[in-house]
C-alpha atoms as a PDB file:
ATOM      1  CA  MET A   1      -4.620   5.246  15.196  1.00  0.00           C
ATOM      2  CA  SER A   2      -1.077   6.240  14.276  1.00  0.00           C
ATOM      3  CA  SER A   3       0.900   3.988  11.976  1.00  0.00           C
ATOM      4  CA  SER A   4       3.150   2.886  14.855  1.00  0.00           C
ATOM      5  CA  ASP A   5       0.045   1.643  16.722  1.00  0.00           C
ATOM      6  CA  ARG A   6      -0.912  -0.651  13.843  1.00  0.00           C
ATOM      7  CA  PRO A   7       0.173  -4.281  13.965  1.00  0.00           C
ATOM      8  CA  VAL A   8       3.480  -4.918  12.201  1.00  0.00           C
ATOM      9  CA  TYR A   9       1.944  -7.227   9.585  1.00  0.00           C
ATOM     10  CA  LEU A  10      -0.443  -4.423   8.549  1.00  0.00           C
ATOM     11  CA  ARG A  11       2.441  -1.962   8.288  1.00  0.00           C
ATOM     12  CA  LEU A  12       4.289  -4.494   6.121  1.00  0.00           C
ATOM     13  CA  ARG A  13       1.142  -4.897   4.037  1.00  0.00           C
ATOM     14  CA  ASP A  14       1.110  -1.117   3.549  1.00  0.00           C
ATOM     15  CA  ILE A  15       4.728  -1.235   2.355  1.00  0.00           C
ATOM     16  CA  ILE A  16       3.869  -3.911  -0.206  1.00  0.00           C
ATOM     17  CA  ALA A  17       0.796  -1.976  -1.393  1.00  0.00           C
ATOM     18  CA  GLU A  18       2.775   1.266  -1.696  1.00  0.00           C
ATOM     19  CA  SER A  19       5.476  -0.528  -3.668  1.00  0.00           C
ATOM     20  CA  ILE A  20       2.862  -1.786  -6.096  1.00  0.00           C
ATOM     21  CA  LEU A  21       1.095   1.580  -6.351  1.00  0.00           C
ATOM     22  CA  ASP A  22       4.417   3.408  -6.812  1.00  0.00           C
ATOM     23  CA  GLY A  23       5.385   1.068  -9.651  1.00  0.00           C
ATOM     24  CA  THR A  24       8.264  -0.660  -7.894  1.00  0.00           C
ATOM     25  CA  PHE A  25       6.394  -3.898  -8.587  1.00  0.00           C
ATOM     26  CA  GLY A  26       3.912  -4.193 -11.439  1.00  0.00           C
ATOM     27  CA  ASP A  27       1.362  -6.819 -12.358  1.00  0.00           C
ATOM     28  CA  GLY A  28       3.202 -10.078 -13.008  1.00  0.00           C
ATOM     29  CA  ASP A  29       6.405  -8.993 -11.229  1.00  0.00           C
ATOM     30  CA  ALA A  30       8.054 -11.211  -8.645  1.00  0.00           C
ATOM     31  CA  LEU A  31       7.969  -9.967  -5.070  1.00  0.00           C
ATOM     32  CA  PRO A  32      10.937 -10.414  -2.740  1.00  0.00           C
ATOM     33  CA  SER A  33      10.956 -13.692  -0.838  1.00  0.00           C
ATOM     34  CA  VAL A  34       9.349 -13.606   2.579  1.00  0.00           C
ATOM     35  CA  ARG A  35      12.768 -13.902   4.227  1.00  0.00           C
ATOM     36  CA  ALA A  36      14.316 -11.146   2.110  1.00  0.00           C
ATOM     37  CA  PHE A  37      11.340  -8.837   2.689  1.00  0.00           C
ATOM     38  CA  ALA A  38      11.422  -9.505   6.439  1.00  0.00           C
ATOM     39  CA  ALA A  39      15.167  -8.855   6.620  1.00  0.00           C
ATOM     40  CA  LEU A  40      14.863  -5.648   4.595  1.00  0.00           C
ATOM     41  CA  HIS A  41      12.277  -4.274   7.023  1.00  0.00           C
ATOM     42  CA  GLY A  42      13.647  -5.742  10.259  1.00  0.00           C
ATOM     43  CA  ALA A  43      10.631  -7.970  10.765  1.00  0.00           C
ATOM     44  CA  ASN A  44      10.117 -11.550  11.801  1.00  0.00           C
ATOM     45  CA  PRO A  45       9.704 -13.814   8.726  1.00  0.00           C
ATOM     46  CA  LEU A  46       6.442 -15.197  10.156  1.00  0.00           C
ATOM     47  CA  THR A  47       5.070 -11.659  10.382  1.00  0.00           C
ATOM     48  CA  ALA A  48       6.124 -10.936   6.800  1.00  0.00           C
ATOM     49  CA  ALA A  49       4.522 -14.211   5.728  1.00  0.00           C
ATOM     50  CA  LYS A  50       1.266 -13.074   7.374  1.00  0.00           C
ATOM     51  CA  ALA A  51       1.356  -9.830   5.369  1.00  0.00           C
ATOM     52  CA  TYR A  52       1.957 -11.742   2.130  1.00  0.00           C
ATOM     53  CA  GLN A  53      -0.748 -14.278   3.025  1.00  0.00           C
ATOM     54  CA  GLY A  54      -3.276 -11.467   3.414  1.00  0.00           C
ATOM     55  CA  PHE A  55      -2.433 -10.251  -0.071  1.00  0.00           C
ATOM     56  CA  GLN A  56      -2.719 -13.763  -1.427  1.00  0.00           C
ATOM     57  CA  ASP A  57      -6.103 -14.265   0.267  1.00  0.00           C
ATOM     58  CA  GLU A  58      -7.350 -11.022  -1.322  1.00  0.00           C
ATOM     59  CA  GLY A  59      -6.094 -12.048  -4.765  1.00  0.00           C
ATOM     60  CA  PHE A  60      -3.402  -9.359  -5.073  1.00  0.00           C
ATOM     61  CA  VAL A  61      -0.571 -11.903  -5.035  1.00  0.00           C
ATOM     62  CA  SER A  62      -0.303 -15.246  -6.748  1.00  0.00           C
ATOM     63  CA  VAL A  63       2.052 -18.039  -5.771  1.00  0.00           C
ATOM     64  CA  LYS A  64       3.971 -20.183  -8.207  1.00  0.00           C
ATOM     65  CA  ARG A  65       5.132 -23.185  -6.225  1.00  0.00           C
ATOM     66  CA  GLY A  66       8.880 -23.457  -6.144  1.00  0.00           C
ATOM     67  CA  VAL A  67       9.279 -20.102  -7.905  1.00  0.00           C
ATOM     68  CA  GLY A  68       7.875 -17.416  -5.611  1.00  0.00           C
ATOM     69  CA  MET A  69       5.166 -14.834  -5.177  1.00  0.00           C
ATOM     70  CA  PHE A  70       4.059 -12.500  -7.944  1.00  0.00           C
ATOM     71  CA  VAL A  71       1.817  -9.467  -8.194  1.00  0.00           C
ATOM     72  CA  ALA A  72      -1.434 -10.791  -9.631  1.00  0.00           C
ATOM     73  CA  GLU A  73      -2.744  -9.455 -12.932  1.00  0.00           C
ATOM     74  CA  GLY A  74      -5.064  -6.511 -12.252  1.00  0.00           C
ATOM     75  CA  ALA A  75      -3.753  -6.030  -8.707  1.00  0.00           C
ATOM     76  CA  THR A  76      -2.376  -2.545  -9.380  1.00  0.00           C
ATOM     77  CA  ALA A  77      -5.702  -1.211 -10.675  1.00  0.00           C
ATOM     78  CA  ARG A  78      -7.635  -2.843  -7.831  1.00  0.00           C
ATOM     79  CA  LEU A  79      -5.246  -1.489  -5.182  1.00  0.00           C
ATOM     80  CA  ARG A  80      -5.460   1.980  -6.727  1.00  0.00           C
ATOM     81  CA  ARG A  81      -9.283   1.878  -6.669  1.00  0.00           C
ATOM     82  CA  GLU A  82      -9.316   0.720  -3.050  1.00  0.00           C
ATOM     83  CA  ALA A  83      -6.718   3.308  -1.976  1.00  0.00           C
ATOM     84  CA  ARG A  84      -8.656   6.051  -3.756  1.00  0.00           C
ATOM     85  CA  GLU A  85     -11.905   5.076  -2.022  1.00  0.00           C
ATOM     86  CA  THR A  86     -10.144   4.930   1.357  1.00  0.00           C
ATOM     87  CA  PHE A  87      -8.623   8.369   0.770  1.00  0.00           C
ATOM     88  CA  LEU A  88     -11.932   9.918  -0.259  1.00  0.00           C
ATOM     89  CA  ARG A  89     -13.815   8.310   2.627  1.00  0.00           C
ATOM     90  CA  ASP A  90     -11.275   8.638   5.468  1.00  0.00           C
ATOM     91  CA  GLU A  91      -8.667  11.287   4.659  1.00  0.00           C
ATOM     92  CA  TRP A  92     -10.315  13.822   2.363  1.00  0.00           C
ATOM     93  CA  PRO A  93     -12.913  14.999   4.914  1.00  0.00           C
ATOM     94  CA  ARG A  94     -10.080  15.868   7.362  1.00  0.00           C
ATOM     95  CA  VAL A  95      -8.103  17.627   4.627  1.00  0.00           C
ATOM     96  CA  LEU A  96     -11.159  19.602   3.564  1.00  0.00           C
ATOM     97  CA  ARG A  97     -11.890  20.647   7.162  1.00  0.00           C
ATOM     98  CA  ASN A  98      -8.304  21.869   7.538  1.00  0.00           C
ATOM     99  CA  MET A  99      -8.466  23.736   4.241  1.00  0.00           C
ATOM    100  CA  ARG A 100     -11.609  25.515   5.368  1.00  0.00           C
ATOM    101  CA  ARG A 101     -10.159  26.221   8.797  1.00  0.00           C
ATOM    102  CA  LEU A 102      -7.033  27.746   7.239  1.00  0.00           C
ATOM    103  CA  ASN A 103      -8.895  29.484   4.417  1.00  0.00           C
ATOM    104  CA  ILE A 104      -6.994  27.604   1.715  1.00  0.00           C
ATOM    105  CA  ASN A 105      -8.688  27.358  -1.654  1.00  0.00           C
ATOM    106  CA  PRO A 106      -7.935  24.664  -4.246  1.00  0.00           C
ATOM    107  CA  THR A 107      -6.233  27.183  -6.547  1.00  0.00           C
ATOM    108  CA  ASP A 108      -3.618  27.828  -3.834  1.00  0.00           C
ATOM    109  CA  LEU A 109      -2.849  24.120  -3.742  1.00  0.00           C
ATOM    110  CA  LEU A 110      -2.665  23.741  -7.510  1.00  0.00           C
ATOM    111  CA  GLU A 111      -0.229  26.658  -7.758  1.00  0.00           C
ATOM    112  CA  ARG A 112       2.097  24.861  -5.346  1.00  0.00           C
ATOM    113  CA  ALA A 113       1.647  21.409  -6.809  1.00  0.00           C
ATOM    114  CA  ASP A 114       4.279  19.846  -8.986  1.00  0.00           C
ATOM    115  CA  ILE A 115       1.812  18.289 -11.405  1.00  0.00           C
END
């Protein structure tokens, strides 16, 4: 399924997760309000609220009534673990098949990497 085929709330969830994993928002940081986040991404506020609610249900976001939503303590490490497992399970096998098909060895990749 391409990303454009995914429901909008899941794509918004991905944006939030990437922002946390990239360090835009760290544990304890305030997230944009639902309305601001929706406006920034051209989404309906109810759809953005659904994305945030999913994060809250999973314990990645905590709500302080009257103040806003915050990245929960430990959320970054948990998201990173989950993203790593998803990559290794779903994406890596396809990458490895392509590497073998194209006769690319890991050394070739490391020489081109900006690590």
